[in-house]
Amino acid sequence: LDRWRPVLERLGFALDQVGDGVVALGAVPALLRGQEPRRLVERLLDELRPAGEGAPEVDRALSFVACRAAVKANQRLAREEMERLVGDLSLTATPYFCPHGRPIVSRVSLSEVRKELKRSW
């Protein structure tokens, strides 16, 4: 945790040493409100454990925060929110992948749609 403290504090986490090996979490980034704080920090530290060379520390931490704050499957959104998200997505440097590199968009040909729907139009 000590290694990551400066990065985490830059992202909006407030961490205070309250004892030997005990840390109090005073704040989390606004994007992550509503998530269980202890579990969030534990997963974050697991994600950031050294695994050889990789992205810079701030980028790795930002990827974690972005992933946890992202819209999840089956989450209901208003039409305006959907339109804004699609518009915002087109402005990103990598609009087809999540921060961890997983694809978020897939191409399906019209012939595949016709086959799936058993249509010949």
C-alpha atoms as a PDB file:
ATOM      1  CA  LEU A   1       0.000   0.000   0.000  1.00  0.00           C
ATOM      2  CA  ASP A   2       2.821   2.427   0.776  1.00  0.00           C
ATOM      3  CA  ARG A   3       4.135   2.098  -2.777  1.00  0.00           C
ATOM      4  CA  TRP A   4       0.724   2.982  -4.239  1.00  0.00           C
ATOM      5  CA  ARG A   5      -0.339   5.653  -1.721  1.00  0.00           C
ATOM      6  CA  PRO A   6       0.761   8.691  -3.815  1.00  0.00           C
ATOM      7  CA  VAL A   7      -0.974   7.366  -6.922  1.00  0.00           C
ATOM      8  CA  LEU A   8      -4.137   6.466  -5.020  1.00  0.00           C
ATOM      9  CA  GLU A   9      -4.273   9.850  -3.315  1.00  0.00           C
ATOM     10  CA  ARG A  10      -3.934  11.596  -6.693  1.00  0.00           C
ATOM     11  CA  LEU A  11      -6.992   9.625  -7.825  1.00  0.00           C
ATOM     12  CA  GLY A  12      -9.089  10.710  -4.843  1.00  0.00           C
ATOM     13  CA  PHE A  13      -8.509   8.024  -2.233  1.00  0.00           C
ATOM     14  CA  ALA A  14      -7.764   9.302   1.278  1.00  0.00           C
ATOM     15  CA  LEU A  15      -5.662   6.863   3.298  1.00  0.00           C
ATOM     16  CA  ASP A  16      -4.493   7.352   6.889  1.00  0.00           C
ATOM     17  CA  GLN A  17      -2.137   5.084   8.831  1.00  0.00           C
ATOM     18  CA  VAL A  18      -3.892   4.420  12.158  1.00  0.00           C
ATOM     19  CA  GLY A  19      -1.747   1.642  13.529  1.00  0.00           C
ATOM     20  CA  ASP A  20       0.810  -1.013  12.706  1.00  0.00           C
ATOM     21  CA  GLY A  21      -0.420  -2.416   9.387  1.00  0.00           C
ATOM     22  CA  VAL A  22      -3.803  -0.714   9.769  1.00  0.00           C
ATOM     23  CA  VAL A  23      -5.014   1.916   7.333  1.00  0.00           C
ATOM     24  CA  ALA A  24      -8.222   3.941   7.491  1.00  0.00           C
ATOM     25  CA  LEU A  25      -9.909   4.751   4.201  1.00  0.00           C
ATOM     26  CA  GLY A  26     -11.368   8.244   4.478  1.00  0.00           C
ATOM     27  CA  ALA A  27     -12.519   8.805   0.893  1.00  0.00           C
ATOM     28  CA  VAL A  28     -12.803   7.154  -2.514  1.00  0.00           C
ATOM     29  CA  PRO A  29     -13.112   8.805  -5.939  1.00  0.00           C
ATOM     30  CA  ALA A  30     -16.630  10.053  -6.636  1.00  0.00           C
ATOM     31  CA  LEU A  31     -16.911   7.656  -9.587  1.00  0.00           C
ATOM     32  CA  LEU A  32     -16.683   4.739  -7.159  1.00  0.00           C
ATOM     33  CA  ARG A  33     -19.262   5.883  -4.614  1.00  0.00           C
ATOM     34  CA  GLY A  34     -21.626   3.148  -3.553  1.00  0.00           C
ATOM     35  CA  GLN A  35     -19.027   0.384  -3.727  1.00  0.00           C
ATOM     36  CA  GLU A  36     -17.921  -1.443  -0.587  1.00  0.00           C
ATOM     37  CA  PRO A  37     -14.711   0.473   0.329  1.00  0.00           C
ATOM     38  CA  ARG A  38     -12.639  -2.280   1.942  1.00  0.00           C
ATOM     39  CA  ARG A  39     -13.303  -4.726  -0.864  1.00  0.00           C
ATOM     40  CA  LEU A  40     -12.606  -2.009  -3.428  1.00  0.00           C
ATOM     41  CA  VAL A  41      -9.163  -1.209  -2.006  1.00  0.00           C
ATOM     42  CA  GLU A  42      -8.296  -4.908  -1.594  1.00  0.00           C
ATOM     43  CA  ARG A  43      -9.152  -5.588  -5.245  1.00  0.00           C
ATOM     44  CA  LEU A  44      -7.290  -2.492  -6.341  1.00  0.00           C
ATOM     45  CA  LEU A  45      -4.128  -3.591  -4.540  1.00  0.00           C
ATOM     46  CA  ASP A  46      -4.460  -7.115  -5.968  1.00  0.00           C
ATOM     47  CA  GLU A  47      -4.767  -5.604  -9.437  1.00  0.00           C
ATOM     48  CA  LEU A  48      -1.727  -3.379  -8.936  1.00  0.00           C
ATOM     49  CA  ARG A  49       0.611  -5.988  -7.468  1.00  0.00           C
ATOM     50  CA  PRO A  50       3.872  -6.056  -9.401  1.00  0.00           C
ATOM     51  CA  ALA A  51       3.635  -8.381 -12.366  1.00  0.00           C
ATOM     52  CA  GLY A  52       6.753  -7.429 -14.279  1.00  0.00           C
ATOM     53  CA  GLU A  53       6.863  -4.562 -16.728  1.00  0.00           C
ATOM     54  CA  GLY A  54       3.566  -3.038 -17.687  1.00  0.00           C
ATOM     55  CA  ALA A  55       1.737   0.239 -17.925  1.00  0.00           C
ATOM     56  CA  PRO A  56       2.891   3.139 -15.757  1.00  0.00           C
ATOM     57  CA  GLU A  57       1.485   3.054 -12.222  1.00  0.00           C
ATOM     58  CA  VAL A  58      -0.971   5.914 -12.707  1.00  0.00           C
ATOM     59  CA  ASP A  59      -2.305   4.355 -15.913  1.00  0.00           C
ATOM     60  CA  ARG A  60      -2.840   1.014 -14.204  1.00  0.00           C
ATOM     61  CA  ALA A  61      -4.660   2.655 -11.299  1.00  0.00           C
ATOM     62  CA  LEU A  62      -6.779   4.755 -13.676  1.00  0.00           C
ATOM     63  CA  SER A  63      -7.695   1.632 -15.647  1.00  0.00           C
ATOM     64  CA  PHE A  64      -8.879  -0.021 -12.441  1.00  0.00           C
ATOM     65  CA  VAL A  65     -10.988   2.985 -11.427  1.00  0.00           C
ATOM     66  CA  ALA A  66     -12.451   3.302 -14.929  1.00  0.00           C
ATOM     67  CA  CYS A  67     -13.367  -0.371 -15.034  1.00  0.00           C
ATOM     68  CA  ARG A  68     -15.066  -0.292 -11.624  1.00  0.00           C
ATOM     69  CA  ALA A  69     -16.959   2.904 -12.477  1.00  0.00           C
ATOM     70  CA  ALA A  70     -18.128   1.664 -15.886  1.00  0.00           C
ATOM     71  CA  VAL A  71     -21.714   0.863 -16.787  1.00  0.00           C
ATOM     72  CA  LYS A  72     -22.275  -2.837 -16.122  1.00  0.00           C
ATOM     73  CA  ALA A  73     -24.333  -5.435 -17.997  1.00  0.00           C
ATOM     74  CA  ASN A  74     -28.090  -5.169 -17.386  1.00  0.00           C
ATOM     75  CA  GLN A  75     -27.732  -1.713 -15.818  1.00  0.00           C
ATOM     76  CA  ARG A  76     -30.730   0.372 -16.872  1.00  0.00           C
ATOM     77  CA  LEU A  77     -29.966   3.694 -18.500  1.00  0.00           C
ATOM     78  CA  ALA A  78     -32.126   6.499 -19.829  1.00  0.00           C
ATOM     79  CA  ARG A  79     -31.974   7.016 -23.591  1.00  0.00           C
ATOM     80  CA  GLU A  80     -30.103  10.296 -23.070  1.00  0.00           C
ATOM     81  CA  GLU A  81     -27.443   8.489 -21.016  1.00  0.00           C
ATOM     82  CA  MET A  82     -27.008   5.866 -23.735  1.00  0.00           C
ATOM     83  CA  GLU A  83     -26.656   8.516 -26.436  1.00  0.00           C
ATOM     84  CA  ARG A  84     -24.125  10.454 -24.369  1.00  0.00           C
ATOM     85  CA  LEU A  85     -22.061   7.323 -23.687  1.00  0.00           C
ATOM     86  CA  VAL A  86     -21.936   6.357 -27.362  1.00  0.00           C
ATOM     87  CA  GLY A  87     -20.996   9.927 -28.259  1.00  0.00           C
ATOM     88  CA  ASP A  88     -18.287  10.020 -25.594  1.00  0.00           C
ATOM     89  CA  LEU A  89     -16.982   6.627 -26.716  1.00  0.00           C
ATOM     90  CA  SER A  90     -16.322   7.945 -30.206  1.00  0.00           C
ATOM     91  CA  LEU A  91     -14.041  10.631 -28.718  1.00  0.00           C
ATOM     92  CA  THR A  92     -11.713   8.174 -26.967  1.00  0.00           C
ATOM     93  CA  ALA A  93      -8.337   6.999 -28.257  1.00  0.00           C
ATOM     94  CA  THR A  94      -9.381   3.319 -28.059  1.00  0.00           C
ATOM     95  CA  PRO A  95     -13.157   3.192 -28.547  1.00  0.00           C
ATOM     96  CA  TYR A  96     -13.311  -0.554 -29.158  1.00  0.00           C
ATOM     97  CA  PHE A  97     -11.655  -1.794 -25.966  1.00  0.00           C
ATOM     98  CA  CYS A  98     -12.063  -1.390 -22.201  1.00  0.00           C
ATOM     99  CA  PRO A  99      -9.109   0.005 -20.193  1.00  0.00           C
ATOM    100  CA  HIS A 100      -7.848  -3.566 -19.680  1.00  0.00           C
ATOM    101  CA  GLY A 101      -7.892  -4.285 -23.430  1.00  0.00           C
ATOM    102  CA  ARG A 102     -11.027  -6.424 -23.631  1.00  0.00           C
ATOM    103  CA  PRO A 103     -13.238  -5.754 -26.677  1.00  0.00           C
ATOM    104  CA  ILE A 104     -16.467  -3.831 -26.031  1.00  0.00           C
ATOM    105  CA  VAL A 105     -17.715  -3.680 -29.622  1.00  0.00           C
ATOM    106  CA  SER A 106     -18.165  -6.503 -32.076  1.00  0.00           C
ATOM    107  CA  ARG A 107     -18.967  -6.602 -35.775  1.00  0.00           C
ATOM    108  CA  VAL A 108     -21.785  -8.790 -36.998  1.00  0.00           C
ATOM    109  CA  SER A 109     -22.423  -9.051 -40.720  1.00  0.00           C
ATOM    110  CA  LEU A 110     -25.895  -8.632 -42.165  1.00  0.00           C
ATOM    111  CA  SER A 111     -25.747 -12.217 -43.402  1.00  0.00           C
ATOM    112  CA  GLU A 112     -25.096 -13.397 -39.822  1.00  0.00           C
ATOM    113  CA  VAL A 113     -28.098 -11.377 -38.597  1.00  0.00           C
ATOM    114  CA  ARG A 114     -30.281 -12.849 -41.364  1.00  0.00           C
ATOM    115  CA  LYS A 115     -29.138 -16.362 -40.509  1.00  0.00           C
ATOM    116  CA  GLU A 116     -29.725 -15.869 -36.765  1.00  0.00           C
ATOM    117  CA  LEU A 117     -33.205 -14.414 -37.343  1.00  0.00           C
ATOM    118  CA  LYS A 118     -34.019 -16.954 -40.070  1.00  0.00           C
ATOM    119  CA  ARG A 119     -34.757 -14.179 -42.566  1.00  0.00           C
ATOM    120  CA  SER A 120     -33.979 -13.831 -46.238  1.00  0.00           C
ATOM    121  CA  TRP A 121     -34.523 -10.094 -46.710  1.00  0.00           C
END
